[in-house]
């Protein structure tokens, strides 16, 4: 059975390229037809998830006309979250690294700002962001996530010191919060009543001791 106009058979493909993975990746990225086919497949998968590609140069995306129906499908079938992670990694490997950041930003905005796709949010934070290869873009996405995250929940995807910097907290305030051990959450209003310094220190010590070593 041939699978392209050149008449290459799948058995020949398996035999000729076995363990030649770096060469296969290189040849794919150099092949204009292969990259065009990958782009068509990407557009198809975006449509499946209720998204359309606005700019083939930058990778900017937006909701498609069928977004509501497709969002409902994605929210109810969370196995697709892993597929999106694979798509993101594939984009970077096979010649479209600039498409990673716009797609992840789209999902961050939909989940954290617009309140859509509740069952996708954890995957966006745990996997989608960290699939982005470019470090600066990844940091930019983390900052966007932090600034739009619900402050009632702890943000665990970057160090506290970085979070304070993004929040515009001064160095002296950072030191004060680190000494306190609780930060803003240690106020009586947040914790349900006044607490003595001795009690807070004991509580902090007990929590630290209960955390398993990594």
N, C-alpha and C. Protein backbone atom coordinates (compact mmCIF):
# COMPACT_ATOMS: atom_id res chain seq x y z
N UNK A 1 0.85 -1.19 0.00
CA UNK A 1 0.00 0.00 0.00
C UNK A 1 0.89 1.25 0.00
N UNK A 2 0.78 2.09 -1.04
CA UNK A 2 1.55 3.33 -1.06
C UNK A 2 0.81 4.40 -0.28
N UNK A 3 1.54 5.36 0.27
CA UNK A 3 0.89 6.39 1.06
C UNK A 3 1.23 7.79 0.58
N UNK A 4 1.86 7.94 -0.56
CA UNK A 4 2.10 9.27 -1.12
C UNK A 4 2.28 9.15 -2.62
N UNK A 5 2.32 10.32 -3.29
CA UNK A 5 2.38 10.33 -4.75
C UNK A 5 3.69 9.75 -5.29
N UNK A 6 4.71 9.65 -4.45
CA UNK A 6 5.98 9.10 -4.90
C UNK A 6 5.96 7.58 -4.97
N UNK A 7 4.89 6.97 -4.47
CA UNK A 7 4.76 5.53 -4.54
C UNK A 7 5.58 4.78 -3.51
N UNK A 8 5.90 5.41 -2.40
CA UNK A 8 6.65 4.74 -1.34
C UNK A 8 5.71 3.83 -0.56
N UNK A 9 6.14 2.62 -0.31
CA UNK A 9 5.33 1.67 0.43
C UNK A 9 5.65 1.74 1.92
N UNK A 10 4.64 1.52 2.73
CA UNK A 10 4.82 1.64 4.17
C UNK A 10 5.86 0.65 4.69
N UNK A 11 5.91 -0.54 4.11
CA UNK A 11 6.92 -1.53 4.53
C UNK A 11 8.33 -1.03 4.22
N UNK A 12 8.50 -0.41 3.05
CA UNK A 12 9.80 0.16 2.71
C UNK A 12 10.18 1.28 3.67
N UNK A 13 9.20 2.08 4.01
CA UNK A 13 9.44 3.19 4.94
C UNK A 13 9.93 2.64 6.28
N UNK A 14 9.25 1.62 6.79
CA UNK A 14 9.64 1.03 8.08
C UNK A 14 11.04 0.43 8.02
N UNK A 15 11.35 -0.23 6.92
CA UNK A 15 12.65 -0.89 6.81
C UNK A 15 13.79 0.10 6.56
N UNK A 16 13.56 1.07 5.69
CA UNK A 16 14.63 1.98 5.29
C UNK A 16 14.97 3.00 6.38
N UNK A 17 13.98 3.35 7.20
CA UNK A 17 14.21 4.40 8.19
C UNK A 17 14.34 3.88 9.61
N UNK A 18 14.38 2.58 9.76
CA UNK A 18 14.49 2.00 11.11
C UNK A 18 15.78 2.48 11.78
N UNK A 19 15.64 3.08 12.94
CA UNK A 19 16.74 3.62 13.76
C UNK A 19 17.48 4.79 13.11
N UNK A 20 16.91 5.32 12.06
CA UNK A 20 17.50 6.51 11.42
C UNK A 20 16.67 7.74 11.81
N UNK A 21 16.43 7.90 13.11
CA UNK A 21 15.44 8.88 13.56
C UNK A 21 15.89 10.32 13.37
N UNK A 22 17.15 10.61 13.64
CA UNK A 22 17.64 11.98 13.45
C UNK A 22 17.63 12.35 11.98
N UNK A 23 18.01 11.42 11.14
CA UNK A 23 18.00 11.67 9.70
C UNK A 23 16.56 11.85 9.21
N UNK A 24 15.64 11.05 9.75
CA UNK A 24 14.24 11.16 9.36
C UNK A 24 13.68 12.52 9.75
N UNK A 25 14.00 12.96 10.97
CA UNK A 25 13.54 14.28 11.42
C UNK A 25 14.10 15.38 10.53
N UNK A 26 15.38 15.27 10.22
CA UNK A 26 16.02 16.29 9.37
C UNK A 26 15.38 16.32 7.99
N UNK A 27 15.19 15.14 7.38
CA UNK A 27 14.62 15.08 6.05
C UNK A 27 13.19 15.63 6.03
N UNK A 28 12.45 15.34 7.10
CA UNK A 28 11.07 15.85 7.17
C UNK A 28 11.07 17.38 7.18
N UNK A 29 11.92 17.96 8.02
CA UNK A 29 11.96 19.42 8.15
C UNK A 29 12.45 20.10 6.87
N UNK A 30 13.19 19.37 6.03
CA UNK A 30 13.69 19.93 4.78
C UNK A 30 12.72 19.73 3.62
N UNK A 31 11.68 18.93 3.86
CA UNK A 31 10.74 18.59 2.80
C UNK A 31 9.53 19.52 2.85
N UNK A 32 9.41 20.37 1.85
CA UNK A 32 8.32 21.36 1.83
C UNK A 32 6.95 20.70 1.82
N UNK A 33 6.81 19.65 1.04
CA UNK A 33 5.52 18.96 0.96
C UNK A 33 5.13 18.36 2.29
N UNK A 34 6.08 17.75 2.97
CA UNK A 34 5.80 17.15 4.27
C UNK A 34 5.36 18.20 5.27
N UNK A 35 6.03 19.35 5.27
CA UNK A 35 5.67 20.42 6.20
C UNK A 35 4.31 21.02 5.87
N UNK A 36 3.99 21.12 4.59
CA UNK A 36 2.67 21.61 4.19
C UNK A 36 1.58 20.65 4.65
N UNK A 37 1.85 19.36 4.54
CA UNK A 37 0.87 18.37 5.00
C UNK A 37 0.70 18.42 6.52
N UNK A 38 1.80 18.65 7.23
CA UNK A 38 1.71 18.79 8.68
C UNK A 38 0.87 20.00 9.05
N UNK A 39 1.03 21.10 8.32
CA UNK A 39 0.24 22.30 8.58
C UNK A 39 -1.24 22.04 8.36
N UNK A 40 -1.57 21.31 7.30
CA UNK A 40 -2.97 20.96 7.04
C UNK A 40 -3.53 20.11 8.17
N UNK A 41 -2.73 19.17 8.65
CA UNK A 41 -3.17 18.32 9.76
C UNK A 41 -3.37 19.14 11.03
N UNK A 42 -2.48 20.10 11.25
CA UNK A 42 -2.59 20.97 12.42
C UNK A 42 -3.89 21.78 12.38
N UNK A 43 -4.21 22.32 11.21
CA UNK A 43 -5.45 23.09 11.06
C UNK A 43 -6.67 22.21 11.32
N UNK A 44 -6.60 20.97 10.84
CA UNK A 44 -7.70 20.04 11.06
C UNK A 44 -7.90 19.77 12.55
N UNK A 45 -6.80 19.53 13.27
CA UNK A 45 -6.90 19.25 14.70
C UNK A 45 -7.36 20.49 15.47
N UNK A 46 -6.90 21.66 15.05
CA UNK A 46 -7.38 22.89 15.69
C UNK A 46 -8.90 22.99 15.55
N UNK A 47 -9.41 22.72 14.35
CA UNK A 47 -10.85 22.79 14.13
C UNK A 47 -11.58 21.78 15.01
N UNK A 48 -10.98 20.61 15.20
CA UNK A 48 -11.58 19.59 16.06
C UNK A 48 -11.72 20.12 17.49
N UNK A 49 -10.80 20.99 17.91
CA UNK A 49 -10.84 21.54 19.26
C UNK A 49 -11.53 22.90 19.32
N UNK A 50 -12.13 23.35 18.21
CA UNK A 50 -12.86 24.61 18.21
C UNK A 50 -11.99 25.84 18.03
N UNK A 51 -10.88 25.68 17.31
CA UNK A 51 -9.90 26.76 17.14
C UNK A 51 -9.58 26.89 15.65
N UNK A 52 -9.20 28.09 15.23
CA UNK A 52 -8.72 28.29 13.87
C UNK A 52 -7.43 29.07 13.87
N UNK A 53 -6.59 28.78 12.89
CA UNK A 53 -5.31 29.45 12.74
C UNK A 53 -5.51 30.77 11.99
N UNK A 54 -5.15 31.89 12.63
CA UNK A 54 -5.34 33.21 12.02
C UNK A 54 -4.16 33.63 11.15
N UNK A 55 -2.97 33.25 11.56
CA UNK A 55 -1.75 33.72 10.89
C UNK A 55 -0.76 32.57 10.78
N UNK A 56 -0.47 32.15 9.56
CA UNK A 56 0.45 31.03 9.36
C UNK A 56 1.89 31.40 9.68
N UNK A 57 2.20 32.68 9.72
CA UNK A 57 3.56 33.10 10.05
C UNK A 57 3.80 33.07 11.56
N UNK A 58 2.88 33.64 12.32
CA UNK A 58 3.07 33.76 13.77
C UNK A 58 2.46 32.61 14.55
N UNK A 59 1.46 31.94 13.96
CA UNK A 59 0.78 30.87 14.68
C UNK A 59 -0.37 31.35 15.54
N UNK A 60 -0.76 32.62 15.40
CA UNK A 60 -1.86 33.16 16.20
C UNK A 60 -3.14 32.38 15.93
N UNK A 61 -3.90 32.09 16.99
CA UNK A 61 -5.13 31.32 16.87
C UNK A 61 -6.28 32.05 17.57
N UNK A 62 -7.49 31.64 17.24
CA UNK A 62 -8.68 32.20 17.88
C UNK A 62 -9.79 31.15 17.85
N UNK A 63 -10.88 31.45 18.51
CA UNK A 63 -12.03 30.55 18.48
C UNK A 63 -12.57 30.43 17.06
N UNK A 64 -12.99 29.23 16.70
CA UNK A 64 -13.64 29.03 15.40
C UNK A 64 -15.15 29.16 15.58
N UNK A 65 -15.88 29.13 14.49
CA UNK A 65 -17.33 29.32 14.55
C UNK A 65 -18.03 28.20 15.32
N UNK A 66 -17.41 27.03 15.39
CA UNK A 66 -18.02 25.88 16.08
C UNK A 66 -17.44 25.68 17.48
N UNK A 67 -16.87 26.73 18.07
CA UNK A 67 -16.09 26.58 19.30
C UNK A 67 -16.91 26.04 20.47
N UNK A 68 -18.16 26.47 20.60
CA UNK A 68 -18.93 26.04 21.77
C UNK A 68 -19.13 24.53 21.78
N UNK A 69 -19.52 23.97 20.67
CA UNK A 69 -19.73 22.52 20.59
C UNK A 69 -18.42 21.77 20.80
N UNK A 70 -17.33 22.25 20.21
CA UNK A 70 -16.04 21.56 20.34
C UNK A 70 -15.44 21.73 21.73
N UNK A 71 -15.66 22.87 22.37
CA UNK A 71 -15.20 23.06 23.74
C UNK A 71 -15.89 22.08 24.67
N UNK A 72 -17.20 21.89 24.47
CA UNK A 72 -17.95 20.95 25.30
C UNK A 72 -17.39 19.54 25.13
N UNK A 73 -17.08 19.19 23.89
CA UNK A 73 -16.51 17.87 23.63
C UNK A 73 -15.16 17.70 24.32
N UNK A 74 -14.31 18.72 24.21
CA UNK A 74 -12.99 18.65 24.84
C UNK A 74 -13.10 18.60 26.35
N UNK A 75 -14.01 19.36 26.91
CA UNK A 75 -14.16 19.41 28.37
C UNK A 75 -14.68 18.09 28.92
N UNK A 76 -15.39 17.33 28.10
CA UNK A 76 -15.96 16.05 28.54
C UNK A 76 -15.12 14.84 28.16
N UNK A 77 -14.06 15.05 27.41
CA UNK A 77 -13.19 13.95 26.99
C UNK A 77 -11.74 14.36 27.24
N UNK A 78 -11.33 14.22 28.49
CA UNK A 78 -10.04 14.78 28.91
C UNK A 78 -8.83 14.01 28.36
N UNK A 79 -9.05 12.86 27.73
CA UNK A 79 -7.91 12.17 27.12
C UNK A 79 -7.31 13.01 25.99
N UNK A 80 -8.09 13.97 25.50
CA UNK A 80 -7.57 14.86 24.46
C UNK A 80 -6.49 15.80 24.98
N UNK A 81 -6.44 16.00 26.29
CA UNK A 81 -5.41 16.88 26.85
C UNK A 81 -4.01 16.36 26.54
N UNK A 82 -3.84 15.05 26.63
CA UNK A 82 -2.55 14.45 26.30
C UNK A 82 -2.23 14.62 24.82
N UNK A 83 -3.24 14.53 23.98
CA UNK A 83 -3.02 14.71 22.55
C UNK A 83 -2.54 16.12 22.24
N UNK A 84 -3.10 17.10 22.94
CA UNK A 84 -2.67 18.49 22.72
C UNK A 84 -1.22 18.67 23.14
N UNK A 85 -0.83 18.03 24.24
CA UNK A 85 0.57 18.09 24.67
C UNK A 85 1.47 17.52 23.59
N UNK A 86 1.06 16.42 22.99
CA UNK A 86 1.86 15.80 21.93
C UNK A 86 1.92 16.70 20.69
N UNK A 87 0.82 17.34 20.38
CA UNK A 87 0.81 18.27 19.25
C UNK A 87 1.80 19.40 19.47
N UNK A 88 1.81 19.94 20.68
CA UNK A 88 2.74 21.02 21.01
C UNK A 88 4.19 20.59 20.84
N UNK A 89 4.52 19.41 21.32
CA UNK A 89 5.89 18.91 21.19
C UNK A 89 6.24 18.64 19.73
N UNK A 90 5.27 18.13 18.99
CA UNK A 90 5.48 17.85 17.57
C UNK A 90 5.76 19.13 16.80
N UNK A 91 5.06 20.20 17.13
CA UNK A 91 5.26 21.48 16.45
C UNK A 91 6.70 21.95 16.57
N UNK A 92 7.27 21.82 17.76
CA UNK A 92 8.64 22.26 17.98
C UNK A 92 9.64 21.37 17.25
N UNK A 93 9.36 20.07 17.22
CA UNK A 93 10.30 19.12 16.63
C UNK A 93 10.30 19.16 15.11
N UNK A 94 9.14 19.40 14.52
CA UNK A 94 9.00 19.24 13.07
C UNK A 94 8.85 20.56 12.32
N UNK A 95 9.41 21.63 12.88
CA UNK A 95 9.56 22.84 12.08
C UNK A 95 8.60 23.98 12.32
N UNK A 96 7.74 23.88 13.36
CA UNK A 96 6.82 24.97 13.65
C UNK A 96 6.90 25.40 15.12
N UNK A 97 8.08 25.68 15.64
CA UNK A 97 8.20 26.05 17.06
C UNK A 97 7.48 27.34 17.40
N UNK A 98 7.32 28.24 16.42
CA UNK A 98 6.65 29.52 16.68
C UNK A 98 5.15 29.35 16.92
N UNK A 99 4.62 28.15 16.65
CA UNK A 99 3.20 27.90 16.87
C UNK A 99 2.89 27.50 18.32
N UNK A 100 3.90 27.16 19.08
CA UNK A 100 3.67 26.67 20.44
C UNK A 100 3.08 27.73 21.36
N UNK A 101 3.77 28.85 21.47
CA UNK A 101 3.36 29.89 22.43
C UNK A 101 1.94 30.42 22.18
N UNK A 102 1.55 30.73 20.93
CA UNK A 102 0.19 31.23 20.71
C UNK A 102 -0.89 30.24 21.13
N UNK A 103 -0.67 28.95 20.89
CA UNK A 103 -1.68 27.96 21.26
C UNK A 103 -1.80 27.83 22.77
N UNK A 104 -0.67 27.81 23.48
CA UNK A 104 -0.73 27.72 24.94
C UNK A 104 -1.34 28.98 25.53
N UNK A 105 -0.99 30.13 25.00
CA UNK A 105 -1.58 31.39 25.48
C UNK A 105 -3.09 31.38 25.29
N UNK A 106 -3.54 30.85 24.16
CA UNK A 106 -4.97 30.74 23.91
C UNK A 106 -5.65 29.94 25.01
N UNK A 107 -5.08 28.80 25.36
CA UNK A 107 -5.69 27.96 26.40
C UNK A 107 -5.60 28.60 27.78
N UNK A 108 -4.53 29.33 28.06
CA UNK A 108 -4.44 30.04 29.34
C UNK A 108 -5.54 31.10 29.44
N UNK A 109 -5.75 31.81 28.36
CA UNK A 109 -6.78 32.85 28.38
C UNK A 109 -8.17 32.25 28.51
N UNK A 110 -8.42 31.16 27.80
CA UNK A 110 -9.73 30.52 27.87
C UNK A 110 -10.02 29.97 29.26
N UNK A 111 -9.02 29.38 29.90
CA UNK A 111 -9.24 28.73 31.20
C UNK A 111 -9.17 29.71 32.37
N UNK A 112 -8.18 30.59 32.38
CA UNK A 112 -7.96 31.46 33.54
C UNK A 112 -8.71 32.78 33.46
N UNK A 113 -8.90 33.31 32.27
CA UNK A 113 -9.54 34.62 32.11
C UNK A 113 -11.02 34.48 31.80
N UNK A 114 -11.35 33.62 30.84
CA UNK A 114 -12.74 33.50 30.40
C UNK A 114 -13.52 32.42 31.14
N UNK A 115 -12.82 31.59 31.91
CA UNK A 115 -13.51 30.59 32.72
C UNK A 115 -14.05 29.40 31.95
N UNK A 116 -13.53 29.14 30.77
CA UNK A 116 -13.95 27.99 29.98
C UNK A 116 -13.04 26.79 30.26
N UNK A 117 -13.45 25.62 29.81
CA UNK A 117 -12.62 24.40 29.81
C UNK A 117 -12.04 24.08 31.19
N UNK A 118 -12.92 23.95 32.16
CA UNK A 118 -12.48 23.68 33.54
C UNK A 118 -11.67 22.40 33.65
N UNK A 119 -12.00 21.41 32.84
CA UNK A 119 -11.30 20.13 32.91
C UNK A 119 -10.00 20.10 32.10
N UNK A 120 -9.67 21.23 31.50
CA UNK A 120 -8.42 21.33 30.74
C UNK A 120 -7.39 22.18 31.49
N UNK A 121 -7.85 22.98 32.43
CA UNK A 121 -6.98 23.96 33.10
C UNK A 121 -5.75 23.33 33.73
N UNK A 122 -5.90 22.23 34.44
CA UNK A 122 -4.75 21.60 35.09
C UNK A 122 -3.71 21.15 34.07
N UNK A 123 -4.16 20.63 32.95
CA UNK A 123 -3.22 20.19 31.92
C UNK A 123 -2.50 21.37 31.28
N UNK A 124 -3.20 22.49 31.14
CA UNK A 124 -2.57 23.69 30.59
C UNK A 124 -1.41 24.12 31.47
N UNK A 125 -1.64 24.12 32.79
CA UNK A 125 -0.62 24.57 33.74
C UNK A 125 0.47 23.53 33.96
N UNK A 126 0.10 22.28 34.00
CA UNK A 126 1.07 21.22 34.31
C UNK A 126 1.88 20.75 33.11
N UNK A 127 1.29 20.81 31.92
CA UNK A 127 1.93 20.19 30.76
C UNK A 127 2.09 21.12 29.55
N UNK A 128 1.02 21.83 29.18
CA UNK A 128 1.09 22.64 27.96
C UNK A 128 2.21 23.67 28.04
N UNK A 129 2.25 24.42 29.15
CA UNK A 129 3.27 25.47 29.30
C UNK A 129 4.67 24.89 29.17
N UNK A 130 4.90 23.77 29.84
CA UNK A 130 6.25 23.21 29.91
C UNK A 130 6.62 22.41 28.66
N UNK A 131 5.68 22.29 27.72
CA UNK A 131 6.01 21.70 26.42
C UNK A 131 6.63 22.74 25.49
N UNK A 132 6.50 24.02 25.83
CA UNK A 132 7.06 25.09 25.01
C UNK A 132 8.58 25.08 25.14
N UNK A 133 9.25 24.98 24.02
CA UNK A 133 10.71 24.79 24.03
C UNK A 133 11.46 26.06 24.39
N UNK A 134 11.02 27.21 23.90
CA UNK A 134 11.73 28.46 24.13
C UNK A 134 11.56 28.93 25.58
N UNK A 135 12.67 29.12 26.28
CA UNK A 135 12.63 29.46 27.71
C UNK A 135 11.97 30.81 27.96
N UNK A 136 12.26 31.81 27.13
CA UNK A 136 11.67 33.13 27.32
C UNK A 136 10.16 33.10 27.11
N UNK A 137 9.73 32.36 26.10
CA UNK A 137 8.29 32.24 25.87
C UNK A 137 7.62 31.49 27.01
N UNK A 138 8.29 30.47 27.51
CA UNK A 138 7.75 29.70 28.64
C UNK A 138 7.59 30.58 29.88
N UNK A 139 8.59 31.41 30.14
CA UNK A 139 8.53 32.31 31.29
C UNK A 139 7.41 33.35 31.10
N UNK A 140 7.26 33.83 29.88
CA UNK A 140 6.20 34.78 29.58
C UNK A 140 4.82 34.16 29.85
N UNK A 141 4.66 32.92 29.45
CA UNK A 141 3.39 32.22 29.68
C UNK A 141 3.14 32.00 31.17
N UNK A 142 4.19 31.65 31.91
CA UNK A 142 4.05 31.46 33.36
C UNK A 142 3.65 32.77 34.03
N UNK A 143 4.23 33.87 33.59
CA UNK A 143 3.87 35.16 34.17
C UNK A 143 2.41 35.49 33.90
N UNK A 144 1.96 35.26 32.68
CA UNK A 144 0.56 35.49 32.35
C UNK A 144 -0.35 34.62 33.21
N UNK A 145 0.05 33.36 33.38
CA UNK A 145 -0.75 32.44 34.21
C UNK A 145 -0.81 32.92 35.65
N UNK A 146 0.32 33.34 36.19
CA UNK A 146 0.37 33.80 37.58
C UNK A 146 -0.50 35.04 37.79
N UNK A 147 -0.40 35.99 36.89
CA UNK A 147 -1.14 37.24 37.04
C UNK A 147 -2.64 37.06 36.86
N UNK A 148 -3.06 35.96 36.25
CA UNK A 148 -4.48 35.70 36.03
C UNK A 148 -5.01 34.53 36.84
N UNK A 149 -4.19 34.01 37.75
CA UNK A 149 -4.56 32.84 38.54
C UNK A 149 -5.42 33.26 39.73
N UNK A 150 -6.34 32.41 40.14
CA UNK A 150 -7.19 32.68 41.30
C UNK A 150 -6.33 32.70 42.56
N UNK A 151 -6.26 33.84 43.23
CA UNK A 151 -5.38 34.00 44.38
C UNK A 151 -5.82 33.17 45.59
N UNK A 152 -7.00 32.60 45.53
CA UNK A 152 -7.44 31.74 46.64
C UNK A 152 -6.73 30.39 46.62
N UNK A 153 -6.13 30.06 45.49
CA UNK A 153 -5.38 28.81 45.37
C UNK A 153 -3.89 29.13 45.25
N UNK A 154 -3.06 28.21 45.71
CA UNK A 154 -1.62 28.41 45.66
C UNK A 154 -1.11 28.19 44.24
N UNK A 155 -0.25 29.08 43.79
CA UNK A 155 0.38 28.95 42.47
C UNK A 155 1.71 28.24 42.66
N UNK A 156 1.83 27.03 42.14
CA UNK A 156 2.99 26.18 42.45
C UNK A 156 3.92 25.97 41.26
N UNK A 157 3.74 26.73 40.19
CA UNK A 157 4.49 26.45 38.96
C UNK A 157 5.74 27.31 38.78
N UNK A 158 6.07 28.12 39.77
CA UNK A 158 7.33 28.87 39.75
C UNK A 158 7.66 29.28 41.17
N UNK A 159 8.91 29.64 41.47
CA UNK A 159 9.32 29.97 42.83
C UNK A 159 8.59 31.20 43.38
N UNK A 160 8.45 31.24 44.71
CA UNK A 160 7.79 32.36 45.38
C UNK A 160 8.49 33.68 45.07
N UNK A 161 9.82 33.64 45.03
CA UNK A 161 10.58 34.86 44.77
C UNK A 161 10.22 35.46 43.42
N UNK A 162 10.02 34.62 42.43
CA UNK A 162 9.64 35.08 41.10
C UNK A 162 8.22 35.65 41.13
N UNK A 163 7.33 35.00 41.88
CA UNK A 163 5.96 35.48 41.99
C UNK A 163 5.91 36.87 42.61
N UNK A 164 6.72 37.07 43.65
CA UNK A 164 6.76 38.38 44.31
C UNK A 164 7.28 39.46 43.37
N UNK A 165 8.24 39.10 42.55
CA UNK A 165 8.78 40.05 41.58
C UNK A 165 7.70 40.44 40.58
N UNK A 166 6.96 39.46 40.10
CA UNK A 166 5.88 39.74 39.15
C UNK A 166 4.77 40.56 39.79
N UNK A 167 4.58 40.39 41.09
CA UNK A 167 3.54 41.13 41.80
C UNK A 167 3.99 42.54 42.18
N UNK A 168 5.28 42.84 41.97
CA UNK A 168 5.81 44.15 42.32
C UNK A 168 6.10 44.31 43.79
N UNK A 169 6.34 43.20 44.51
CA UNK A 169 6.64 43.25 45.93
C UNK A 169 8.12 43.60 46.11
N UNK A 170 8.43 44.51 47.02
CA UNK A 170 9.80 44.96 47.25
C UNK A 170 10.62 43.88 47.92
N UNK A 171 11.95 44.02 47.87
CA UNK A 171 12.85 43.06 48.50
C UNK A 171 12.60 42.98 50.00
N UNK A 172 12.38 44.14 50.66
CA UNK A 172 12.14 44.13 52.10
C UNK A 172 10.86 43.39 52.44
N UNK A 173 9.84 43.55 51.59
CA UNK A 173 8.58 42.84 51.81
C UNK A 173 8.77 41.35 51.59
N UNK A 174 9.60 40.97 50.62
CA UNK A 174 9.89 39.56 50.40
C UNK A 174 10.50 38.95 51.65
N UNK A 175 11.50 39.66 52.22
CA UNK A 175 12.16 39.15 53.42
C UNK A 175 11.17 39.03 54.57
N UNK A 176 10.28 40.01 54.70
CA UNK A 176 9.28 39.99 55.77
C UNK A 176 8.36 38.79 55.63
N UNK A 177 7.88 38.56 54.41
CA UNK A 177 6.97 37.44 54.18
C UNK A 177 7.66 36.10 54.39
N UNK A 178 8.92 35.98 53.98
CA UNK A 178 9.64 34.73 54.15
C UNK A 178 9.89 34.46 55.63
N UNK A 179 10.16 35.52 56.42
CA UNK A 179 10.37 35.35 57.86
C UNK A 179 9.08 34.94 58.54
N UNK A 180 7.97 35.53 58.09
CA UNK A 180 6.68 35.23 58.68
C UNK A 180 6.29 33.78 58.45
N UNK A 181 6.59 33.28 57.26
CA UNK A 181 6.29 31.88 56.96
C UNK A 181 4.95 31.68 56.30
N UNK A 182 4.05 32.67 56.44
CA UNK A 182 2.72 32.51 55.87
C UNK A 182 2.43 33.55 54.80
N UNK A 183 3.12 34.69 54.83
CA UNK A 183 2.83 35.76 53.88
C UNK A 183 1.49 36.38 54.20
N UNK A 184 0.80 36.85 53.17
CA UNK A 184 -0.46 37.55 53.36
C UNK A 184 -1.52 36.66 53.97
N UNK A 185 -1.41 35.36 53.79
CA UNK A 185 -2.44 34.44 54.29
C UNK A 185 -2.40 34.29 55.80
N UNK A 186 -1.39 34.86 56.48
CA UNK A 186 -1.28 34.67 57.92
C UNK A 186 -2.06 35.70 58.71
N UNK A 187 -2.74 36.62 58.04
CA UNK A 187 -3.51 37.62 58.75
C UNK A 187 -4.69 36.97 59.43
N UNK A 188 -5.20 37.55 60.53
CA UNK A 188 -6.34 36.96 61.23
C UNK A 188 -7.55 36.77 60.32
N UNK A 189 -7.79 37.73 59.40
CA UNK A 189 -8.94 37.61 58.52
C UNK A 189 -8.83 36.36 57.64
N UNK A 190 -7.63 36.09 57.12
CA UNK A 190 -7.45 34.95 56.22
C UNK A 190 -7.43 33.63 56.96
N UNK A 191 -6.94 33.62 58.19
CA UNK A 191 -6.79 32.37 58.92
C UNK A 191 -7.86 32.14 59.97
N UNK A 192 -8.81 33.07 60.06
CA UNK A 192 -9.94 32.82 60.93
C UNK A 192 -9.72 33.23 62.37
N UNK A 193 -8.80 34.15 62.67
CA UNK A 193 -8.62 34.60 64.03
C UNK A 193 -7.18 34.88 64.33
N UNK A 194 -6.91 35.60 65.43
CA UNK A 194 -5.53 35.94 65.78
C UNK A 194 -4.73 34.72 66.15
N UNK A 195 -3.42 34.76 65.83
CA UNK A 195 -2.53 33.67 66.16
C UNK A 195 -1.28 34.25 66.77
N UNK A 196 -0.76 33.62 67.80
CA UNK A 196 0.48 34.07 68.40
C UNK A 196 1.65 33.67 67.52
N UNK A 197 2.76 34.39 67.67
CA UNK A 197 3.95 34.06 66.90
C UNK A 197 4.42 32.65 67.21
N UNK A 198 4.32 32.26 68.49
CA UNK A 198 4.77 30.92 68.89
C UNK A 198 3.93 29.86 68.20
N UNK A 199 2.61 30.08 68.12
CA UNK A 199 1.74 29.10 67.49
C UNK A 199 2.07 28.97 66.00
N UNK A 200 2.29 30.13 65.34
CA UNK A 200 2.57 30.10 63.91
C UNK A 200 3.88 29.38 63.62
N UNK A 201 4.88 29.60 64.46
CA UNK A 201 6.16 28.94 64.25
C UNK A 201 6.04 27.43 64.43
N UNK A 202 5.29 27.02 65.47
CA UNK A 202 5.09 25.59 65.69
C UNK A 202 4.35 24.96 64.52
N UNK A 203 3.32 25.69 64.04
CA UNK A 203 2.54 25.16 62.94
C UNK A 203 3.39 25.05 61.67
N UNK A 204 4.18 26.09 61.43
CA UNK A 204 5.07 26.07 60.27
C UNK A 204 6.06 24.93 60.35
N UNK A 205 6.60 24.69 61.56
CA UNK A 205 7.57 23.62 61.74
C UNK A 205 6.94 22.26 61.49
N UNK A 206 5.70 22.09 61.98
CA UNK A 206 5.04 20.79 61.81
C UNK A 206 4.74 20.51 60.36
N UNK A 207 4.37 21.57 59.60
CA UNK A 207 4.08 21.38 58.18
C UNK A 207 5.35 21.02 57.42
N UNK A 208 6.45 21.71 57.74
CA UNK A 208 7.72 21.41 57.07
C UNK A 208 8.15 19.98 57.32
N UNK A 209 7.93 19.51 58.53
CA UNK A 209 8.33 18.14 58.87
C UNK A 209 7.46 17.11 58.18
N UNK A 210 6.23 17.51 57.83
CA UNK A 210 5.31 16.54 57.23
C UNK A 210 5.50 16.38 55.74
N UNK A 211 6.26 17.30 55.12
CA UNK A 211 6.47 17.22 53.67
C UNK A 211 7.50 16.15 53.36
N UNK A 212 7.18 15.15 52.54
CA UNK A 212 8.14 14.08 52.22
C UNK A 212 9.30 14.61 51.42
N UNK A 213 10.48 14.03 51.61
CA UNK A 213 11.66 14.44 50.85
C UNK A 213 11.53 13.97 49.42
N UNK A 214 12.08 14.76 48.47
CA UNK A 214 11.98 14.44 47.04
C UNK A 214 13.19 13.63 46.60
